[in-house]
Amino acid sequence: MTNPAPVEDIPIGGETIRLGQFLKFAGLFDSGGDVKEAIIDGYVLVNGEVDRRRGRQLQLGDVVSHEGREVRVCR
């Protein structure tokens, strides 16, 4: 049995960032179109739950998941 990949910390410049921006900033997607499609289709999790709001404000400590990769918003 393999262990899941560790959560990767992604530092941002402020206290909050929008979900769509963060997905591109963290390198999970190359284009805004891919981000939009993945969020609408429910392939992105925020803190373990599907969130279909591209403009959702993420806070420090939030964990975003897509296709087995987890990234955490940090300072």
C-alpha atoms as a PDB file:
ATOM      1  CA  MET A   1       0.000   0.000   0.000  1.00  0.00           C
ATOM      2  CA  THR A   2       1.400   3.392  -0.987  1.00  0.00           C
ATOM      3  CA  ASN A   3       1.042   6.524   1.068  1.00  0.00           C
ATOM      4  CA  PRO A   4      -0.791   9.457  -0.511  1.00  0.00           C
ATOM      5  CA  ALA A   5       1.336  12.338  -1.719  1.00  0.00           C
ATOM      6  CA  PRO A   6       1.971  14.965   0.950  1.00  0.00           C
ATOM      7  CA  VAL A   7       0.136  18.267   0.856  1.00  0.00           C
ATOM      8  CA  GLU A   8       2.252  20.884  -0.907  1.00  0.00           C
ATOM      9  CA  ASP A   9       2.314  24.366   0.638  1.00  0.00           C
ATOM     10  CA  ILE A  10       1.857  27.198  -1.879  1.00  0.00           C
ATOM     11  CA  PRO A  11       2.681  30.641  -0.445  1.00  0.00           C
ATOM     12  CA  ILE A  12       0.558  33.557  -1.619  1.00  0.00           C
ATOM     13  CA  GLY A  13       1.239  37.272  -1.251  1.00  0.00           C
ATOM     14  CA  GLY A  14      -1.765  38.178   0.883  1.00  0.00           C
ATOM     15  CA  GLU A  15      -4.428  36.710   3.147  1.00  0.00           C
ATOM     16  CA  THR A  16      -6.816  35.471   0.441  1.00  0.00           C
ATOM     17  CA  ILE A  17      -6.842  34.380  -3.197  1.00  0.00           C
ATOM     18  CA  ARG A  18      -9.636  33.295  -5.527  1.00  0.00           C
ATOM     19  CA  LEU A  19      -9.925  29.579  -6.254  1.00  0.00           C
ATOM     20  CA  GLY A  20      -9.465  29.970 -10.014  1.00  0.00           C
ATOM     21  CA  GLN A  21      -6.378  32.135  -9.580  1.00  0.00           C
ATOM     22  CA  PHE A  22      -4.891  29.762  -7.022  1.00  0.00           C
ATOM     23  CA  LEU A  23      -5.298  26.702  -9.247  1.00  0.00           C
ATOM     24  CA  LYS A  24      -3.253  28.370 -11.988  1.00  0.00           C
ATOM     25  CA  PHE A  25      -0.750  29.895  -9.541  1.00  0.00           C
ATOM     26  CA  ALA A  26      -0.148  26.481  -7.935  1.00  0.00           C
ATOM     27  CA  GLY A  27       0.480  24.918 -11.349  1.00  0.00           C
ATOM     28  CA  LEU A  28      -2.488  22.558 -11.301  1.00  0.00           C
ATOM     29  CA  PHE A  29      -3.769  23.998 -14.595  1.00  0.00           C
ATOM     30  CA  ASP A  30      -2.198  25.840 -17.510  1.00  0.00           C
ATOM     31  CA  SER A  31      -5.200  27.856 -18.681  1.00  0.00           C
ATOM     32  CA  GLY A  32      -8.177  29.663 -17.239  1.00  0.00           C
ATOM     33  CA  GLY A  33     -10.449  27.664 -19.529  1.00  0.00           C
ATOM     34  CA  ASP A  34      -9.211  24.383 -18.042  1.00  0.00           C
ATOM     35  CA  VAL A  35      -9.716  25.780 -14.535  1.00  0.00           C
ATOM     36  CA  LYS A  36     -13.272  26.867 -15.306  1.00  0.00           C
ATOM     37  CA  GLU A  37     -14.204  23.500 -16.830  1.00  0.00           C
ATOM     38  CA  ALA A  38     -12.725  21.451 -13.975  1.00  0.00           C
ATOM     39  CA  ILE A  39     -14.460  23.556 -11.311  1.00  0.00           C
ATOM     40  CA  ILE A  40     -17.846  23.476 -13.083  1.00  0.00           C
ATOM     41  CA  ASP A  41     -17.574  19.697 -13.599  1.00  0.00           C
ATOM     42  CA  GLY A  42     -16.873  19.185  -9.872  1.00  0.00           C
ATOM     43  CA  TYR A  43     -13.301  17.892 -10.202  1.00  0.00           C
ATOM     44  CA  VAL A  44     -11.864  20.363  -7.692  1.00  0.00           C
ATOM     45  CA  LEU A  45     -12.203  19.905  -3.928  1.00  0.00           C
ATOM     46  CA  VAL A  46     -11.711  22.589  -1.298  1.00  0.00           C
ATOM     47  CA  ASN A  47     -11.126  21.179   2.181  1.00  0.00           C
ATOM     48  CA  GLY A  48     -12.475  17.813   1.005  1.00  0.00           C
ATOM     49  CA  GLU A  49     -15.699  19.114  -0.552  1.00  0.00           C
ATOM     50  CA  VAL A  50     -16.625  19.921  -4.156  1.00  0.00           C
ATOM     51  CA  ASP A  51     -16.840  23.661  -4.720  1.00  0.00           C
ATOM     52  CA  ARG A  52     -18.086  24.931  -8.071  1.00  0.00           C
ATOM     53  CA  ARG A  53     -17.370  28.634  -7.385  1.00  0.00           C
ATOM     54  CA  ARG A  54     -14.333  29.778  -9.347  1.00  0.00           C
ATOM     55  CA  GLY A  55     -14.399  33.096  -7.472  1.00  0.00           C
ATOM     56  CA  ARG A  56     -14.481  31.522  -4.012  1.00  0.00           C
ATOM     57  CA  GLN A  57     -12.110  33.311  -1.664  1.00  0.00           C
ATOM     58  CA  LEU A  58      -9.592  30.865  -0.241  1.00  0.00           C
ATOM     59  CA  GLN A  59      -8.126  31.565   3.170  1.00  0.00           C
ATOM     60  CA  LEU A  60      -4.734  30.656   4.613  1.00  0.00           C
ATOM     61  CA  GLY A  61      -4.775  26.950   5.503  1.00  0.00           C
ATOM     62  CA  ASP A  62      -7.380  25.900   2.903  1.00  0.00           C
ATOM     63  CA  VAL A  63      -6.452  22.696   1.043  1.00  0.00           C
ATOM     64  CA  VAL A  64      -7.338  22.375  -2.648  1.00  0.00           C
ATOM     65  CA  SER A  65      -7.327  18.951  -4.354  1.00  0.00           C
ATOM     66  CA  HIS A  66      -7.397  17.872  -7.988  1.00  0.00           C
ATOM     67  CA  GLU A  67      -6.596  14.418  -9.407  1.00  0.00           C
ATOM     68  CA  GLY A  68      -4.738  13.241  -6.296  1.00  0.00           C
ATOM     69  CA  ARG A  69      -2.637  16.375  -5.831  1.00  0.00           C
ATOM     70  CA  GLU A  70      -3.256  18.484  -2.747  1.00  0.00           C
ATOM     71  CA  VAL A  71      -2.027  22.034  -2.277  1.00  0.00           C
ATOM     72  CA  ARG A  72      -2.462  24.270   0.766  1.00  0.00           C
ATOM     73  CA  VAL A  73      -2.748  28.045   0.802  1.00  0.00           C
ATOM     74  CA  CYS A  74      -0.039  29.446   3.075  1.00  0.00           C
ATOM     75  CA  ARG A  75       1.779  32.724   3.786  1.00  0.00           C
END
